[in-house]
C-alpha atoms as a PDB file:
ATOM      1  CA  GLU A   1       0.000   0.000   0.000  1.00  0.00           C
ATOM      2  CA  VAL A   2       1.041   3.570  -0.647  1.00  0.00           C
ATOM      3  CA  ALA A   3      -0.283   6.223   1.734  1.00  0.00           C
ATOM      4  CA  GLY A   4      -0.125   9.994   2.117  1.00  0.00           C
ATOM      5  CA  ARG A   5      -1.366  12.532   4.633  1.00  0.00           C
ATOM      6  CA  VAL A   6      -1.322  16.291   5.212  1.00  0.00           C
ATOM      7  CA  SER A   7      -2.043  17.699   8.672  1.00  0.00           C
ATOM      8  CA  ASN A   8      -2.027  21.101  10.349  1.00  0.00           C
ATOM      9  CA  VAL A   9      -1.926  22.414  13.894  1.00  0.00           C
ATOM     10  CA  ASN A  10      -2.741  26.013  14.772  1.00  0.00           C
ATOM     11  CA  LEU A  11      -2.023  27.010  18.382  1.00  0.00           C
ATOM     12  CA  ASP A  12      -3.979  29.714  20.141  1.00  0.00           C
ATOM     13  CA  ASP A  13      -2.444  32.363  22.387  1.00  0.00           C
ATOM     14  CA  GLU A  14      -3.336  30.406  25.563  1.00  0.00           C
ATOM     15  CA  ALA A  15      -0.951  27.586  24.583  1.00  0.00           C
ATOM     16  CA  LEU A  16       1.812  30.140  24.135  1.00  0.00           C
ATOM     17  CA  THR A  17       1.176  31.951  27.439  1.00  0.00           C
ATOM     18  CA  ALA A  18       1.011  28.598  29.276  1.00  0.00           C
ATOM     19  CA  LYS A  19       4.456  27.854  27.758  1.00  0.00           C
ATOM     20  CA  LEU A  20       3.191  24.665  26.087  1.00  0.00           C
ATOM     21  CA  ALA A  21       4.727  25.963  22.860  1.00  0.00           C
ATOM     22  CA  SER A  22       7.060  28.768  21.851  1.00  0.00           C
ATOM     23  CA  GLY A  23       8.367  30.349  18.684  1.00  0.00           C
ATOM     24  CA  THR A  24       5.570  29.196  16.392  1.00  0.00           C
ATOM     25  CA  LYS A  25       1.791  29.279  16.165  1.00  0.00           C
ATOM     26  CA  GLU A  26       1.286  26.941  13.219  1.00  0.00           C
ATOM     27  CA  ALA A  27       2.819  23.793  11.734  1.00  0.00           C
ATOM     28  CA  TRP A  28       2.088  21.752   8.597  1.00  0.00           C
ATOM     29  CA  ALA A  29       3.095  18.082   8.356  1.00  0.00           C
ATOM     30  CA  TYR A  30       3.388  16.054   5.137  1.00  0.00           C
ATOM     31  CA  THR A  31       3.616  12.254   5.384  1.00  0.00           C
ATOM     32  CA  ALA A  32       4.373   9.593   2.776  1.00  0.00           C
ATOM     33  CA  GLY A  33       4.139   5.933   3.736  1.00  0.00           C
ATOM     34  CA  LEU A  34       4.534   2.374   2.502  1.00  0.00           C
ATOM     35  CA  ASN A  35       2.766  -0.591   4.096  1.00  0.00           C
ATOM     36  CA  TRP A  36       3.646  -4.194   3.320  1.00  0.00           C
ATOM     37  CA  HIS A  37       1.291  -6.980   4.430  1.00  0.00           C
ATOM     38  CA  LEU A  38       3.293 -10.227   4.392  1.00  0.00           C
ATOM     39  CA  ASN A  39       0.174 -12.157   5.491  1.00  0.00           C
ATOM     40  CA  LYS A  40      -2.908 -11.591   7.700  1.00  0.00           C
ATOM     41  CA  ALA A  41      -0.785 -11.554  10.843  1.00  0.00           C
ATOM     42  CA  PHE A  42       2.335  -9.557   9.876  1.00  0.00           C
ATOM     43  CA  LYS A  43       2.681  -5.975   8.630  1.00  0.00           C
ATOM     44  CA  VAL A  44       5.680  -3.684   8.060  1.00  0.00           C
ATOM     45  CA  GLN A  45       5.160   0.059   7.800  1.00  0.00           C
ATOM     46  CA  PHE A  46       7.578   2.833   6.737  1.00  0.00           C
ATOM     47  CA  ASN A  47       6.667   6.529   7.031  1.00  0.00           C
ATOM     48  CA  TYR A  48       8.597   9.684   6.193  1.00  0.00           C
ATOM     49  CA  GLU A  49       7.212  12.910   7.646  1.00  0.00           C
ATOM     50  CA  ARG A  50       8.323  16.497   7.186  1.00  0.00           C
ATOM     51  CA  THR A  51       6.915  19.220   9.426  1.00  0.00           C
ATOM     52  CA  ASP A  52       7.279  22.870   8.429  1.00  0.00           C
ATOM     53  CA  PHE A  53       6.939  25.402  11.252  1.00  0.00           C
ATOM     54  CA  ASP A  54       5.614  28.942  10.888  1.00  0.00           C
ATOM     55  CA  GLY A  55       8.361  30.936  12.533  1.00  0.00           C
ATOM     56  CA  LYS A  56      11.435  29.360  14.083  1.00  0.00           C
ATOM     57  CA  PRO A  57      10.655  27.439  17.274  1.00  0.00           C
ATOM     58  CA  LYS A  58      13.402  26.522  19.713  1.00  0.00           C
ATOM     59  CA  PHE A  59      14.023  22.846  20.552  1.00  0.00           C
ATOM     60  CA  GLY A  60      16.480  22.808  23.435  1.00  0.00           C
ATOM     61  CA  SER A  61      19.316  25.005  22.153  1.00  0.00           C
ATOM     62  CA  ASP A  62      18.462  24.441  18.447  1.00  0.00           C
ATOM     63  CA  ILE A  63      16.276  26.786  16.416  1.00  0.00           C
ATOM     64  CA  ARG A  64      14.570  25.016  13.491  1.00  0.00           C
ATOM     65  CA  ASP A  65      12.147  25.875  10.722  1.00  0.00           C
ATOM     66  CA  HIS A  66      11.384  22.224   9.904  1.00  0.00           C
ATOM     67  CA  GLU A  67      11.722  18.665  11.188  1.00  0.00           C
ATOM     68  CA  ASP A  68      12.234  15.400   9.255  1.00  0.00           C
ATOM     69  CA  VAL A  69      11.252  12.034  10.771  1.00  0.00           C
ATOM     70  CA  LEU A  70      11.526   8.434   9.551  1.00  0.00           C
ATOM     71  CA  ILE A  71       9.219   5.998  11.357  1.00  0.00           C
ATOM     72  CA  THR A  72       9.245   2.199  11.042  1.00  0.00           C
ATOM     73  CA  ARG A  73       6.684  -0.154  12.553  1.00  0.00           C
ATOM     74  CA  PHE A  74       6.514  -3.947  12.682  1.00  0.00           C
ATOM     75  CA  GLN A  75       3.128  -5.347  13.662  1.00  0.00           C
ATOM     76  CA  ILE A  76       2.212  -8.925  14.545  1.00  0.00           C
ATOM     77  CA  ALA A  77      -1.405  -9.900  15.198  1.00  0.00           C
ATOM     78  CA  TYR A  78      -2.394 -13.275  16.622  1.00  0.00           C
END
């Protein structure tokens, strides 16, 4: 299977004043994925996701305008 997804988060001012987030109010994430079903009980999943931030949030001592993530999942059902 081939999969894709686009998602968005828009933070209100209360999240910023409560210090739950800083440096950005909005982020867009784009995901592309591949799923392989070996049989009914076994699945392998690979996802690549890029998140673009509005502004430049601070993560620890790093300031970033985007984030890239590679996610792998192995699933066994019995």
